[in-house]
Amino acid sequence: MQRIVNFFKDVSREMKKVSWPKGKELTRYTITVIATVAFAVVFFAIIDYGISSLIRLVS
């Protein structure tokens, strides 16, 4: 039981050392992630459409 208590004490101590992003940074990071995901979705949708069209053309 003492090991579990020590573990959570260590976690708490380490979490205090973490450099958390400020509001503007968090907003910028969130926009970057959403834009990257949107780009990946569009990219793979175009690739999927192209491969599907190629397969339909061949068969």
PDB file of N, CA and C in Angstrom:
ATOM      1  N   MET A   1       0.823  -1.196   0.000  1.00  0.00           N
ATOM      2  CA  MET A   1       0.000   0.000   0.000  1.00  0.00           C
ATOM      3  C   MET A   1       0.874   1.270   0.000  1.00  0.00           C
ATOM      4  N   GLN A   2       1.987   1.196   0.716  1.00  0.00           N
ATOM      5  CA  GLN A   2       2.882   2.354   0.801  1.00  0.00           C
ATOM      6  C   GLN A   2       3.472   2.695  -0.576  1.00  0.00           C
ATOM      7  N   ARG A   3       3.690   1.676  -1.406  1.00  0.00           N
ATOM      8  CA  ARG A   3       4.227   1.922  -2.747  1.00  0.00           C
ATOM      9  C   ARG A   3       3.258   2.750  -3.580  1.00  0.00           C
ATOM     10  N   ILE A   4       1.974   2.466  -3.437  1.00  0.00           N
ATOM     11  CA  ILE A   4       0.958   3.206  -4.192  1.00  0.00           C
ATOM     12  C   ILE A   4       0.924   4.663  -3.723  1.00  0.00           C
ATOM     13  N   VAL A   5       0.971   4.868  -2.419  1.00  0.00           N
ATOM     14  CA  VAL A   5       0.979   6.220  -1.872  1.00  0.00           C
ATOM     15  C   VAL A   5       2.216   6.974  -2.361  1.00  0.00           C
ATOM     16  N   ASN A   6       3.363   6.335  -2.332  1.00  0.00           N
ATOM     17  CA  ASN A   6       4.597   6.968  -2.816  1.00  0.00           C
ATOM     18  C   ASN A   6       4.513   7.305  -4.301  1.00  0.00           C
ATOM     19  N   PHE A   7       3.906   6.407  -5.055  1.00  0.00           N
ATOM     20  CA  PHE A   7       3.741   6.645  -6.491  1.00  0.00           C
ATOM     21  C   PHE A   7       2.946   7.928  -6.725  1.00  0.00           C
ATOM     22  N   PHE A   8       1.809   8.076  -6.047  1.00  0.00           N
ATOM     23  CA  PHE A   8       0.977   9.259  -6.263  1.00  0.00           C
ATOM     24  C   PHE A   8       1.642  10.530  -5.722  1.00  0.00           C
ATOM     25  N   LYS A   9       2.432  10.413  -4.691  1.00  0.00           N
ATOM     26  CA  LYS A   9       3.198  11.568  -4.214  1.00  0.00           C
ATOM     27  C   LYS A   9       4.210  11.989  -5.269  1.00  0.00           C
ATOM     28  N   ASP A  10       4.878  11.015  -5.872  1.00  0.00           N
ATOM     29  CA  ASP A  10       5.846  11.317  -6.933  1.00  0.00           C
ATOM     30  C   ASP A  10       5.159  11.943  -8.146  1.00  0.00           C
ATOM     31  N   VAL A  11       3.994  11.414  -8.495  1.00  0.00           N
ATOM     32  CA  VAL A  11       3.243  11.969  -9.629  1.00  0.00           C
ATOM     33  C   VAL A  11       2.884  13.417  -9.333  1.00  0.00           C
ATOM     34  N   SER A  12       2.400  13.683  -8.141  1.00  0.00           N
ATOM     35  CA  SER A  12       2.030  15.042  -7.747  1.00  0.00           C
ATOM     36  C   SER A  12       3.242  15.967  -7.806  1.00  0.00           C
ATOM     37  N   ARG A  13       4.365  15.518  -7.338  1.00  0.00           N
ATOM     38  CA  ARG A  13       5.589  16.324  -7.348  1.00  0.00           C
ATOM     39  C   ARG A  13       6.021  16.634  -8.784  1.00  0.00           C
ATOM     40  N   GLU A  14       5.937  15.644  -9.652  1.00  0.00           N
ATOM     41  CA  GLU A  14       6.338  15.853 -11.054  1.00  0.00           C
ATOM     42  C   GLU A  14       5.359  16.771 -11.784  1.00  0.00           C
ATOM     43  N   MET A  15       4.075  16.665 -11.475  1.00  0.00           N
ATOM     44  CA  MET A  15       3.078  17.505 -12.148  1.00  0.00           C
ATOM     45  C   MET A  15       3.293  18.985 -11.811  1.00  0.00           C
ATOM     46  N   LYS A  16       3.850  19.276 -10.644  1.00  0.00           N
ATOM     47  CA  LYS A  16       4.134  20.661 -10.277  1.00  0.00           C
ATOM     48  C   LYS A  16       5.286  21.225 -11.102  1.00  0.00           C
ATOM     49  N   LYS A  17       6.119  20.365 -11.651  1.00  0.00           N
ATOM     50  CA  LYS A  17       7.258  20.799 -12.470  1.00  0.00           C
ATOM     51  C   LYS A  17       6.879  21.054 -13.919  1.00  0.00           C
ATOM     52  N   VAL A  18       5.704  20.586 -14.328  1.00  0.00           N
ATOM     53  CA  VAL A  18       5.282  20.687 -15.722  1.00  0.00           C
ATOM     54  C   VAL A  18       5.043  22.144 -16.087  1.00  0.00           C
ATOM     55  N   SER A  19       5.489  22.518 -17.271  1.00  0.00           N
ATOM     56  CA  SER A  19       5.254  23.858 -17.790  1.00  0.00           C
ATOM     57  C   SER A  19       3.966  23.828 -18.614  1.00  0.00           C
ATOM     58  N   TRP A  20       2.888  24.287 -18.032  1.00  0.00           N
ATOM     59  CA  TRP A  20       1.589  24.253 -18.702  1.00  0.00           C
ATOM     60  C   TRP A  20       1.480  25.438 -19.651  1.00  0.00           C
ATOM     61  N   PRO A  21       0.866  25.246 -20.835  1.00  0.00           N
ATOM     62  CA  PRO A  21       0.738  26.355 -21.787  1.00  0.00           C
ATOM     63  C   PRO A  21      -0.252  27.412 -21.290  1.00  0.00           C
ATOM     64  N   LYS A  22       0.029  28.648 -21.651  1.00  0.00           N
ATOM     65  CA  LYS A  22      -0.869  29.761 -21.328  1.00  0.00           C
ATOM     66  C   LYS A  22      -2.042  29.742 -22.316  1.00  0.00           C
ATOM     67  N   GLY A  23      -2.988  30.618 -22.112  1.00  0.00           N
ATOM     68  CA  GLY A  23      -4.202  30.644 -22.939  1.00  0.00           C
ATOM     69  C   GLY A  23      -3.942  30.803 -24.423  1.00  0.00           C
ATOM     70  N   LYS A  24      -3.085  31.790 -24.784  1.00  0.00           N
ATOM     71  CA  LYS A  24      -2.807  32.030 -26.206  1.00  0.00           C
ATOM     72  C   LYS A  24      -2.076  30.852 -26.833  1.00  0.00           C
ATOM     73  N   GLU A  25      -1.131  30.286 -26.093  1.00  0.00           N
ATOM     74  CA  GLU A  25      -0.392  29.126 -26.596  1.00  0.00           C
ATOM     75  C   GLU A  25      -1.337  27.954 -26.829  1.00  0.00           C
ATOM     76  N   LEU A  26      -2.210  27.723 -25.867  1.00  0.00           N
ATOM     77  CA  LEU A  26      -3.152  26.610 -25.969  1.00  0.00           C
ATOM     78  C   LEU A  26      -4.061  26.781 -27.173  1.00  0.00           C
ATOM     79  N   THR A  27      -4.526  28.007 -27.396  1.00  0.00           N
ATOM     80  CA  THR A  27      -5.374  28.284 -28.557  1.00  0.00           C
ATOM     81  C   THR A  27      -4.609  28.020 -29.847  1.00  0.00           C
ATOM     82  N   ARG A  28      -3.363  28.494 -29.909  1.00  0.00           N
ATOM     83  CA  ARG A  28      -2.553  28.293 -31.112  1.00  0.00           C
ATOM     84  C   ARG A  28      -2.296  26.814 -31.368  1.00  0.00           C
ATOM     85  N   TYR A  29      -1.978  26.075 -30.314  1.00  0.00           N
ATOM     86  CA  TYR A  29      -1.732  24.641 -30.456  1.00  0.00           C
ATOM     87  C   TYR A  29      -3.001  23.914 -30.905  1.00  0.00           C
ATOM     88  N   THR A  30      -4.141  24.305 -30.345  1.00  0.00           N
ATOM     89  CA  THR A  30      -5.403  23.669 -30.710  1.00  0.00           C
ATOM     90  C   THR A  30      -5.730  23.917 -32.175  1.00  0.00           C
ATOM     91  N   ILE A  31      -5.552  25.153 -32.628  1.00  0.00           N
ATOM     92  CA  ILE A  31      -5.808  25.478 -34.039  1.00  0.00           C
ATOM     93  C   ILE A  31      -4.862  24.702 -34.944  1.00  0.00           C
ATOM     94  N   THR A  32      -3.602  24.574 -34.544  1.00  0.00           N
ATOM     95  CA  THR A  32      -2.627  23.822 -35.334  1.00  0.00           C
ATOM     96  C   THR A  32      -3.035  22.363 -35.455  1.00  0.00           C
ATOM     97  N   VAL A  33      -3.470  21.765 -34.362  1.00  0.00           N
ATOM     98  CA  VAL A  33      -3.890  20.355 -34.388  1.00  0.00           C
ATOM     99  C   VAL A  33      -5.121  20.177 -35.264  1.00  0.00           C
ATOM    100  N   ILE A  34      -6.111  21.051 -35.116  1.00  0.00           N
ATOM    101  CA  ILE A  34      -7.334  20.935 -35.919  1.00  0.00           C
ATOM    102  C   ILE A  34      -7.027  21.120 -37.397  1.00  0.00           C
ATOM    103  N   ALA A  35      -6.173  22.093 -37.731  1.00  0.00           N
ATOM    104  CA  ALA A  35      -5.812  22.320 -39.137  1.00  0.00           C
ATOM    105  C   ALA A  35      -5.050  21.126 -39.704  1.00  0.00           C
ATOM    106  N   THR A  36      -4.158  20.547 -38.925  1.00  0.00           N
ATOM    107  CA  THR A  36      -3.397  19.385 -39.389  1.00  0.00           C
ATOM    108  C   THR A  36      -4.321  18.191 -39.630  1.00  0.00           C
ATOM    109  N   VAL A  37      -5.234  17.965 -38.715  1.00  0.00           N
ATOM    110  CA  VAL A  37      -6.179  16.854 -38.868  1.00  0.00           C
ATOM    111  C   VAL A  37      -7.073  17.088 -40.088  1.00  0.00           C
ATOM    112  N   ALA A  38      -7.549  18.320 -40.272  1.00  0.00           N
ATOM    113  CA  ALA A  38      -8.394  18.628 -41.430  1.00  0.00           C
ATOM    114  C   ALA A  38      -7.618  18.401 -42.731  1.00  0.00           C
ATOM    115  N   PHE A  39      -6.357  18.827 -42.766  1.00  0.00           N
ATOM    116  CA  PHE A  39      -5.531  18.604 -43.953  1.00  0.00           C
ATOM    117  C   PHE A  39      -5.374  17.111 -44.226  1.00  0.00           C
ATOM    118  N   ALA A  40      -5.107  16.326 -43.181  1.00  0.00           N
ATOM    119  CA  ALA A  40      -4.934  14.879 -43.348  1.00  0.00           C
ATOM    120  C   ALA A  40      -6.219  14.245 -43.863  1.00  0.00           C
ATOM    121  N   VAL A  41      -7.360  14.676 -43.349  1.00  0.00           N
ATOM    122  CA  VAL A  41      -8.648  14.128 -43.798  1.00  0.00           C
ATOM    123  C   VAL A  41      -8.858  14.416 -45.276  1.00  0.00           C
ATOM    124  N   VAL A  42      -8.634  15.656 -45.682  1.00  0.00           N
ATOM    125  CA  VAL A  42      -8.826  16.025 -47.089  1.00  0.00           C
ATOM    126  C   VAL A  42      -7.831  15.268 -47.974  1.00  0.00           C
ATOM    127  N   PHE A  43      -6.581  15.213 -47.545  1.00  0.00           N
ATOM    128  CA  PHE A  43      -5.551  14.520 -48.315  1.00  0.00           C
ATOM    129  C   PHE A  43      -5.918  13.059 -48.547  1.00  0.00           C
ATOM    130  N   PHE A  44      -6.276  12.357 -47.467  1.00  0.00           N
ATOM    131  CA  PHE A  44      -6.592  10.942 -47.611  1.00  0.00           C
ATOM    132  C   PHE A  44      -7.922  10.710 -48.328  1.00  0.00           C
ATOM    133  N   ALA A  45      -8.850  11.651 -48.226  1.00  0.00           N
ATOM    134  CA  ALA A  45     -10.099  11.530 -48.979  1.00  0.00           C
ATOM    135  C   ALA A  45      -9.814  11.629 -50.476  1.00  0.00           C
ATOM    136  N   ILE A  46      -8.938  12.543 -50.856  1.00  0.00           N
ATOM    137  CA  ILE A  46      -8.571  12.683 -52.274  1.00  0.00           C
ATOM    138  C   ILE A  46      -7.837  11.438 -52.760  1.00  0.00           C
ATOM    139  N   ILE A  47      -6.905  10.942 -51.970  1.00  0.00           N
ATOM    140  CA  ILE A  47      -6.177   9.724 -52.347  1.00  0.00           C
ATOM    141  C   ILE A  47      -7.147   8.548 -52.475  1.00  0.00           C
ATOM    142  N   ASP A  48      -8.067   8.417 -51.521  1.00  0.00           N
ATOM    143  CA  ASP A  48      -9.053   7.327 -51.554  1.00  0.00           C
ATOM    144  C   ASP A  48      -9.931   7.434 -52.794  1.00  0.00           C
ATOM    145  N   TYR A  49     -10.384   8.648 -53.097  1.00  0.00           N
ATOM    146  CA  TYR A  49     -11.214   8.843 -54.283  1.00  0.00           C
ATOM    147  C   TYR A  49     -10.432   8.484 -55.547  1.00  0.00           C
ATOM    148  N   GLY A  50      -9.176   8.886 -55.604  1.00  0.00           N
ATOM    149  CA  GLY A  50      -8.354   8.583 -56.778  1.00  0.00           C
ATOM    150  C   GLY A  50      -8.128   7.089 -56.950  1.00  0.00           C
ATOM    151  N   ILE A  51      -7.821   6.397 -55.869  1.00  0.00           N
ATOM    152  CA  ILE A  51      -7.606   4.949 -55.952  1.00  0.00           C
ATOM    153  C   ILE A  51      -8.903   4.235 -56.309  1.00  0.00           C
ATOM    154  N   SER A  52     -10.013   4.673 -55.731  1.00  0.00           N
ATOM    155  CA  SER A  52     -11.318   4.063 -56.048  1.00  0.00           C
ATOM    156  C   SER A  52     -11.662   4.262 -57.518  1.00  0.00           C
ATOM    157  N   SER A  53     -11.408   5.454 -58.035  1.00  0.00           N
ATOM    158  CA  SER A  53     -11.674   5.732 -59.451  1.00  0.00           C
ATOM    159  C   SER A  53     -10.780   4.872 -60.350  1.00  0.00           C
ATOM    160  N   LEU A  54      -9.533   4.712 -59.967  1.00  0.00           N
ATOM    161  CA  LEU A  54      -8.600   3.896 -60.739  1.00  0.00           C
ATOM    162  C   LEU A  54      -9.040   2.438 -60.745  1.00  0.00           C
ATOM    163  N   ILE A  55      -9.473   1.928 -59.602  1.00  0.00           N
ATOM    164  CA  ILE A  55      -9.933   0.534 -59.533  1.00  0.00           C
ATOM    165  C   ILE A  55     -11.186   0.338 -60.373  1.00  0.00           C
ATOM    166  N   ARG A  56     -12.125   1.314 -60.321  1.00  0.00           N
ATOM    167  CA  ARG A  56     -13.341   1.206 -61.148  1.00  0.00           C
ATOM    168  C   ARG A  56     -12.997   1.266 -62.632  1.00  0.00           C
ATOM    169  N   LEU A  57     -12.000   2.051 -62.984  1.00  0.00           N
ATOM    170  CA  LEU A  57     -11.600   2.189 -64.386  1.00  0.00           C
ATOM    171  C   LEU A  57     -10.979   0.880 -64.892  1.00  0.00           C
ATOM    172  N   VAL A  58     -10.191   0.219 -64.057  1.00  0.00           N
ATOM    173  CA  VAL A  58      -9.506  -1.006 -64.443  1.00  0.00           C
ATOM    174  C   VAL A  58     -10.481  -2.178 -64.528  1.00  0.00           C
ATOM    175  N   SER A  59     -11.431  -2.242 -63.613  1.00  0.00           N
ATOM    176  CA  SER A  59     -12.313  -3.420 -63.582  1.00  0.00           C
ATOM    177  C   SER A  59     -13.554  -3.266 -64.413  1.00  0.00           C
TER     178      SER A  59
END
